[in-house]
Structures are given as C-alpha cells and as structure tokens.
Amino acid sequence: MATLDPYIGELPLQRVHHDTLQHFVRARLGAGISPGTINRDLAVVRRILNLSARLWRDASDRTWLETPPLIQMQRHPNKRQPYPLSIEEERLLFSELEGHLARMALFKVNTGLREQEVVNLRWAWETKVPELETSVFIIPRDFVKNGLDRYAVLNRIARSVIESCRGEHPEFVFTRDGKPVAGINNSGWKAARRRAAKRYVEQFNRPCPAGFRSIRVHDLKHTYGHRLRAAGVGFEDRKLLLGHKSNHVTTHYSAPELGALVRASEMVCDLGSRKSPAIAIVRAAAESAK
C-alpha cells in the first residue's frame, strides 16, 4: 500500500472512491506501470472498503462505511489471451519437461488446480472415498486463492500421477530430489517451452502459434476448462471442478456428488486419441532427465 499513500493516505475512509483514485491511476500509467499491476493495488483498496462496509465495526457497533463504493479496474488493451493446448500440443510440450515438472503439469491439466495449489499439495489433504474406490484432495482455504476449501477431484490420469509420486516424500506430493518444489514457472519450464516451439513446425507441419511459444503455466488450467466444456460438462460442474466461486459452494460433498464430479472430469480423458496411457509421458520425461 506504500504506492497509494501519496495519493489517498491523508483522505478519510469515506472519501476513498473511484474518482479520488484516478490521480493514482494516471500517475502509475504515466510511469509505465501495467494495468494488471495497478489492478492489484486497486483490488487491495476494494477489499478494504468492502470489509469496512460489511465486517469491521466501531465502538458503537456500526460499520465503518454505509456502503462500499464501486472501484472499476483498468482494462488490459494488450492482455494476452489464454491458449488452451490440444492433446498433440500437450504431448509435445510435456515431452520436453523434466520429470518433476512433467508430473505437475500433467496433474494440473487434469485437475484445473492453480500452480501454488499443485506445488503445496500434501498427502495429509488426501481423503479416501471408499464408495467410489478413489480419493480426493481437500486443499485448506489458506492455500486457495478465493479463500474457500478446494476439492481436487481426480480423473484416471490425475490418479496415475498421484500414484507415481506416492512414497517419495512423507509430506509433499510433488518434490524434486527429495525436496519440495517452489514453482512450475521456472527456467526449466521456459527452456522446455523454447525447445517445444522449435520442434513445432517439424511435428505438425505448420507455423508455431505465438500462444504456444509463450505458453504459460496458467494456460494448463484454461486447457482443463476448455476440455470440460468441449466434453459437454455443464457450467456449474465446470465451476466446481475449476475451483471458481459458485452459488452452490459447499464444504462437504456426498459420495454421489463427488461421483458426478469424477465422471465429469473423466470425460476430458477421452478427448482425442490416446494410444498409450498418459502417465507414459511422465515416465519418459523422468527417464530422459536422469
């Protein structure tokens, strides 16, 4: 919030609103700061104003604000569009990833988890569902972006990744050389992306799209969502599987409800032609990294 202090630091809370923030916005844009970075600061202000109107109270038990003002975010005129991978592009990219990155990427593209949810995944969060002969991971809200417990529902490919990791570390699911991994978007990811882009023309006999050359870790989540939609999974189930806030969010699911989500996630495994088990991608990458 230090960047905002010169602009609104002396204002009473009631005078912090969209108009009084415009001097801050114009100054930051003039300094070459991206709209996304400005929006992160504005999101903090919006959060404080919402809490002031809905949660925080003074000595008289009144909220600090009567109503929170509307804070409009900046548009991204050159915002990069998501790039969902085809099955063939997934195979090409993942074949260039080191073993531990390939496992995390394959898990991510089959669960829709965010990067840090994958990185922080712990065995203690695994919950058996005997009725379905499977398990789910319940990620505590402290590790979830939207502040709600997150259910990681496993299709058969995600389960195969989990089983390939089982027994390697007592606490964390994904590790490298016996140690937890800090992230997926690292130098290894970027180097694999460059190698895959170089092979693209030879592999598919067409120019490499800009989206593939700059493929982001978060595009794996978009890929999962795109495949769910292509498989005909309904909107509400897609929201639940992707961990988006929903009007029907619950902290507990019955076995039949989980079964329906598992079946929905399984549908992405059947898209396209998979001549060999997907986990073979992981094993091949792991062997090449040795």
Protein backbone atom coordinates (compact mmCIF):
# COMPACT_ATOMS: atom_id res chain seq x y z
CA MET A 1 0.00 0.00 0.00
CA ALA A 2 3.03 2.29 0.12
CA THR A 3 2.45 3.23 -3.54
CA LEU A 4 -1.02 4.54 -2.64
CA ASP A 5 -0.04 6.58 0.42
CA PRO A 6 0.96 9.76 -1.51
CA TYR A 7 -2.46 9.81 -3.20
CA ILE A 8 -5.02 8.69 -0.61
CA GLY A 9 -3.01 8.34 2.58
CA GLU A 10 -4.42 11.56 4.09
CA LEU A 11 -8.02 11.00 2.97
CA PRO A 12 -10.74 9.89 5.40
CA LEU A 13 -12.12 6.48 4.53
CA GLN A 14 -15.40 7.99 3.30
CA ARG A 15 -13.53 9.93 0.58
CA VAL A 16 -11.71 6.94 -0.90
CA HIS A 17 -13.60 6.04 -4.06
CA HIS A 18 -13.20 5.68 -7.82
CA ASP A 19 -12.77 9.42 -8.53
CA THR A 20 -10.20 10.09 -5.79
CA LEU A 21 -8.16 7.12 -7.02
CA GLN A 22 -7.84 8.45 -10.56
CA HIS A 23 -4.80 10.62 -9.76
CA PHE A 24 -3.03 7.45 -8.59
CA VAL A 25 -4.11 5.55 -11.71
CA ARG A 26 -2.98 8.29 -14.14
CA ALA A 27 0.37 8.67 -12.39
CA ARG A 28 1.06 4.93 -12.48
CA LEU A 29 0.07 4.60 -16.13
CA GLY A 30 2.28 7.60 -16.95
CA ALA A 31 5.18 5.85 -15.22
CA GLY A 32 4.74 2.85 -17.49
CA ILE A 33 3.17 0.57 -14.88
CA SER A 34 0.98 -2.12 -16.44
CA PRO A 35 -2.80 -2.14 -15.94
CA GLY A 36 -2.51 -5.54 -14.25
CA THR A 37 -0.12 -4.21 -11.61
CA ILE A 38 -2.37 -1.19 -11.00
CA ASN A 39 -5.37 -3.50 -10.66
CA ARG A 40 -3.63 -5.46 -7.92
CA ASP A 41 -3.28 -2.27 -5.88
CA LEU A 42 -6.88 -1.29 -6.61
CA ALA A 43 -8.04 -4.75 -5.55
CA VAL A 44 -6.47 -4.20 -2.12
CA VAL A 45 -8.33 -0.88 -1.78
CA ARG A 46 -11.58 -2.51 -2.88
CA ARG A 47 -11.11 -5.31 -0.35
CA ILE A 48 -10.54 -2.82 2.50
CA LEU A 49 -13.61 -0.80 1.52
CA ASN A 50 -15.76 -3.92 1.35
CA LEU A 51 -14.60 -5.04 4.79
CA SER A 52 -15.22 -1.55 6.15
CA ALA A 53 -18.82 -1.68 4.94
CA ARG A 54 -19.62 -5.28 5.79
CA LEU A 55 -17.43 -6.57 8.61
CA TRP A 56 -15.39 -4.04 10.56
CA ARG A 57 -17.32 -2.11 13.24
CA ASP A 58 -16.62 0.80 15.57
CA ALA A 59 -17.24 1.09 19.32
CA SER A 60 -20.93 1.75 18.64
CA ASP A 61 -21.23 -1.49 16.65
CA ARG A 62 -21.68 0.42 13.38
CA THR A 63 -19.82 -0.46 10.20
CA TRP A 64 -17.08 1.98 9.20
CA LEU A 65 -18.85 2.68 5.88
CA GLU A 66 -22.52 2.54 4.99
CA THR A 67 -21.90 1.08 1.54
CA PRO A 68 -18.68 0.21 -0.31
CA PRO A 69 -18.06 2.40 -3.38
CA LEU A 70 -17.59 0.82 -6.80
CA ILE A 71 -13.93 0.64 -7.82
CA GLN A 72 -13.51 -0.02 -11.55
CA MET A 73 -10.48 -2.00 -12.65
CA GLN A 74 -8.25 -0.99 -15.54
CA ARG A 75 -8.75 -2.67 -18.88
CA HIS A 76 -5.91 -4.63 -20.45
CA PRO A 77 -5.71 -3.37 -24.05
CA ASN A 78 -2.92 -5.80 -24.90
CA LYS A 79 -3.82 -8.58 -22.50
CA ARG A 80 -2.64 -11.94 -23.74
CA GLN A 81 -5.49 -14.33 -24.47
CA PRO A 82 -5.48 -17.82 -22.91
CA TYR A 83 -4.04 -20.57 -25.08
CA PRO A 84 -5.68 -23.96 -24.43
CA LEU A 85 -3.48 -26.81 -25.61
CA SER A 86 -4.59 -29.52 -27.97
CA ILE A 87 -3.81 -33.10 -26.95
CA GLU A 88 -0.98 -33.18 -29.51
CA GLU A 89 0.49 -29.89 -28.30
CA GLU A 90 0.31 -31.13 -24.72
CA ARG A 91 2.32 -34.21 -25.65
CA LEU A 92 4.94 -32.12 -27.44
CA LEU A 93 5.37 -29.66 -24.57
CA PHE A 94 5.32 -32.26 -21.80
CA SER A 95 7.89 -34.42 -23.60
CA GLU A 96 10.37 -31.57 -23.16
CA LEU A 97 9.71 -31.06 -19.44
CA GLU A 98 11.89 -32.52 -16.71
CA GLY A 99 10.32 -35.39 -14.80
CA HIS A 100 9.08 -33.44 -11.78
CA LEU A 101 7.72 -30.62 -13.95
CA ALA A 102 6.04 -33.07 -16.32
CA ARG A 103 4.24 -34.73 -13.43
CA MET A 104 3.00 -31.42 -12.01
CA ALA A 105 1.95 -30.17 -15.45
CA LEU A 106 0.09 -33.39 -16.25
CA PHE A 107 -1.67 -33.23 -12.89
CA LYS A 108 -2.55 -29.58 -13.36
CA VAL A 109 -4.02 -30.04 -16.84
CA ASN A 110 -6.25 -32.82 -15.48
CA THR A 111 -7.44 -31.13 -12.30
CA GLY A 112 -7.51 -27.40 -13.07
CA LEU A 113 -5.59 -26.59 -9.90
CA ARG A 114 -3.66 -23.34 -9.70
CA GLU A 115 0.13 -23.51 -9.68
CA GLN A 116 0.55 -22.94 -5.94
CA GLU A 117 -2.21 -25.44 -5.14
CA VAL A 118 -0.21 -28.07 -7.02
CA VAL A 119 3.11 -27.04 -5.51
CA ASN A 120 1.75 -27.10 -1.95
CA LEU A 121 -0.26 -30.32 -2.32
CA ARG A 122 0.20 -32.51 0.76
CA TRP A 123 -0.56 -36.15 1.50
CA ALA A 124 -2.37 -35.12 4.68
CA TRP A 125 -5.03 -33.49 2.48
CA GLU A 126 -5.90 -36.75 0.74
CA THR A 127 -9.30 -38.13 1.74
CA LYS A 128 -10.42 -41.62 0.77
CA VAL A 129 -13.87 -42.08 -0.74
CA PRO A 130 -14.46 -45.83 -0.30
CA GLU A 131 -17.82 -45.78 -2.09
CA LEU A 132 -16.05 -44.63 -5.25
CA GLU A 133 -12.83 -46.59 -4.69
CA THR A 134 -10.88 -43.39 -5.09
CA SER A 135 -9.72 -40.38 -3.12
CA VAL A 136 -9.86 -36.60 -3.36
CA PHE A 137 -7.60 -33.89 -2.01
CA ILE A 138 -9.24 -31.24 0.15
CA ILE A 139 -7.00 -28.18 -0.01
CA PRO A 140 -7.43 -25.90 3.04
CA ARG A 141 -8.70 -22.40 2.31
CA ASP A 142 -5.43 -20.84 3.48
CA PHE A 143 -3.82 -22.27 0.34
CA VAL A 144 -6.66 -21.33 -2.04
CA LYS A 145 -6.92 -18.03 -3.88
CA ASN A 146 -10.65 -17.49 -3.29
CA GLY A 147 -10.46 -18.32 0.42
CA LEU A 148 -12.64 -21.45 0.22
CA ASP A 149 -11.69 -25.08 0.75
CA ARG A 150 -10.88 -26.62 -2.63
CA TYR A 151 -11.72 -30.15 -3.66
CA ALA A 152 -9.24 -31.66 -6.12
CA VAL A 153 -11.21 -34.33 -7.95
CA LEU A 154 -9.05 -36.92 -9.67
CA ASN A 155 -9.73 -38.44 -13.06
CA ARG A 156 -7.76 -41.52 -14.05
CA ILE A 157 -4.83 -39.54 -15.43
CA ALA A 158 -4.54 -37.40 -12.28
CA ARG A 159 -4.74 -40.56 -10.16
CA SER A 160 -1.92 -42.15 -12.15
CA VAL A 161 0.24 -39.09 -11.44
CA ILE A 162 -0.57 -39.31 -7.72
CA GLU A 163 0.35 -42.99 -7.61
CA SER A 164 3.65 -42.28 -9.37
CA CYS A 165 4.51 -39.85 -6.55
CA ARG A 166 3.32 -41.94 -3.63
CA GLY A 167 6.04 -42.86 -1.15
CA GLU A 168 8.60 -40.36 -2.43
CA HIS A 169 8.11 -37.81 0.37
CA PRO A 170 6.34 -38.02 3.75
CA GLU A 171 4.60 -34.64 3.44
CA PHE A 172 4.55 -33.15 -0.06
CA VAL A 173 3.14 -34.88 -3.14
CA PHE A 174 5.41 -33.16 -5.66
CA THR A 175 9.12 -32.97 -4.98
CA ARG A 176 12.47 -32.86 -6.72
CA ASP A 177 15.45 -34.74 -5.32
CA GLY A 178 13.53 -35.26 -2.09
CA LYS A 179 12.73 -31.59 -1.56
CA PRO A 180 9.51 -29.58 -2.06
CA VAL A 181 9.25 -27.62 -5.31
CA ALA A 182 8.84 -23.83 -5.23
CA GLY A 183 7.00 -23.49 -8.54
CA ILE A 184 6.40 -24.73 -12.07
CA ASN A 185 7.04 -21.48 -13.94
CA ASN A 186 10.81 -21.56 -13.71
CA SER A 187 13.81 -21.71 -16.02
CA GLY A 188 13.12 -25.39 -16.70
CA TRP A 189 9.59 -24.61 -17.89
CA LYS A 190 10.79 -21.76 -20.12
CA ALA A 191 13.60 -23.83 -21.63
CA ALA A 192 11.20 -26.70 -22.38
CA ARG A 193 8.79 -24.23 -23.96
CA ARG A 194 11.55 -22.95 -26.28
CA ARG A 195 12.57 -26.47 -27.28
CA ALA A 196 8.98 -27.47 -27.96
CA ALA A 197 8.42 -24.35 -30.08
CA LYS A 198 11.45 -25.23 -32.20
CA ARG A 199 10.06 -28.71 -32.84
CA TYR A 200 6.55 -27.46 -33.60
CA VAL A 201 6.88 -26.97 -37.38
CA GLU A 202 8.56 -30.34 -37.87
CA GLN A 203 5.97 -32.05 -35.66
CA PHE A 204 2.80 -30.52 -37.13
CA ASN A 205 3.92 -29.10 -40.49
CA ARG A 206 2.53 -25.65 -39.69
CA PRO A 207 3.94 -22.47 -38.10
CA CYS A 208 4.20 -22.39 -34.34
CA PRO A 209 1.45 -20.14 -32.89
CA ALA A 210 2.55 -17.23 -30.72
CA GLY A 211 0.38 -18.58 -27.92
CA PHE A 212 2.31 -21.85 -27.87
CA ARG A 213 5.68 -20.10 -27.94
CA SER A 214 4.68 -18.17 -24.84
CA ILE A 215 2.57 -20.87 -23.20
CA ARG A 216 2.04 -20.11 -19.51
CA VAL A 217 1.58 -22.48 -16.60
CA HIS A 218 -1.86 -20.94 -16.04
CA ASP A 219 -2.84 -21.97 -19.58
CA LEU A 220 -2.95 -25.54 -18.28
CA LYS A 221 -5.91 -24.54 -16.11
CA HIS A 222 -7.56 -22.90 -19.13
CA THR A 223 -6.90 -26.10 -21.09
CA TYR A 224 -8.72 -28.19 -18.48
CA GLY A 225 -11.68 -25.80 -18.50
CA HIS A 226 -11.75 -25.79 -22.32
CA ARG A 227 -11.75 -29.58 -22.42
CA LEU A 228 -14.52 -29.85 -19.83
CA ARG A 229 -16.66 -27.57 -21.97
CA ALA A 230 -15.78 -29.45 -25.16
CA ALA A 231 -16.78 -32.70 -23.44
CA GLY A 232 -20.20 -31.25 -22.63
CA VAL A 233 -19.72 -30.77 -18.87
CA GLY A 234 -22.29 -28.32 -17.51
CA PHE A 235 -21.47 -24.81 -16.31
CA GLU A 236 -21.96 -25.42 -12.57
CA ASP A 237 -19.88 -28.60 -12.60
CA ARG A 238 -17.14 -26.78 -14.52
CA LYS A 239 -17.09 -24.04 -11.88
CA LEU A 240 -16.77 -26.60 -9.09
CA LEU A 241 -14.03 -28.57 -10.85
CA LEU A 242 -12.08 -25.39 -11.64
CA GLY A 243 -12.38 -24.06 -8.09
CA HIS A 244 -14.36 -20.97 -9.04
CA LYS A 245 -16.74 -19.39 -6.58
CA SER A 246 -20.24 -20.71 -7.01
CA ASN A 247 -23.67 -20.03 -5.56
CA HIS A 248 -23.78 -23.71 -4.64
CA VAL A 249 -20.37 -23.97 -2.95
CA THR A 250 -20.32 -26.39 -0.04
CA THR A 251 -17.58 -27.52 2.29
CA HIS A 252 -18.85 -31.11 2.22
CA TYR A 253 -19.79 -33.31 -0.71
CA SER A 254 -21.65 -36.58 -0.55
CA ALA A 255 -20.27 -39.63 -2.35
CA PRO A 256 -22.89 -39.32 -5.15
CA GLU A 257 -21.99 -35.64 -5.64
CA LEU A 258 -18.29 -36.46 -5.78
CA GLY A 259 -19.06 -39.35 -8.12
CA ALA A 260 -20.76 -36.97 -10.54
CA LEU A 261 -17.74 -34.65 -10.49
CA VAL A 262 -15.33 -37.56 -11.01
CA ARG A 263 -17.37 -38.73 -14.02
CA ALA A 264 -17.36 -35.20 -15.42
CA SER A 265 -13.58 -34.94 -15.03
CA GLU A 266 -13.12 -38.38 -16.60
CA MET A 267 -14.70 -37.04 -19.78
CA VAL A 268 -11.61 -34.98 -20.59
CA CYS A 269 -9.52 -38.15 -20.65
CA ASP A 270 -11.47 -39.42 -23.64
CA LEU A 271 -10.98 -36.36 -25.84
CA GLY A 272 -8.77 -37.09 -28.79
CA SER A 273 -6.79 -40.25 -29.41
CA ARG A 274 -4.67 -41.51 -26.53
CA LYS A 275 -2.85 -44.55 -27.85
CA SER A 276 -0.82 -45.01 -24.66
CA PRO A 277 -1.50 -44.22 -21.00
CA ALA A 278 -0.87 -40.57 -20.25
CA ILE A 279 1.44 -41.45 -17.39
CA ALA A 280 3.89 -42.75 -20.00
CA ILE A 281 4.61 -39.10 -20.82
CA VAL A 282 5.72 -38.58 -17.24
CA ARG A 283 7.88 -41.67 -17.16
CA ALA A 284 9.54 -40.88 -20.47
CA ALA A 285 10.34 -37.36 -19.31
CA ALA A 286 11.65 -38.67 -16.00
CA GLU A 287 13.93 -41.16 -17.73
CA SER A 288 15.29 -38.53 -20.12
CA ALA A 289 16.09 -36.26 -17.16
CA LYS A 290 18.31 -38.90 -15.49
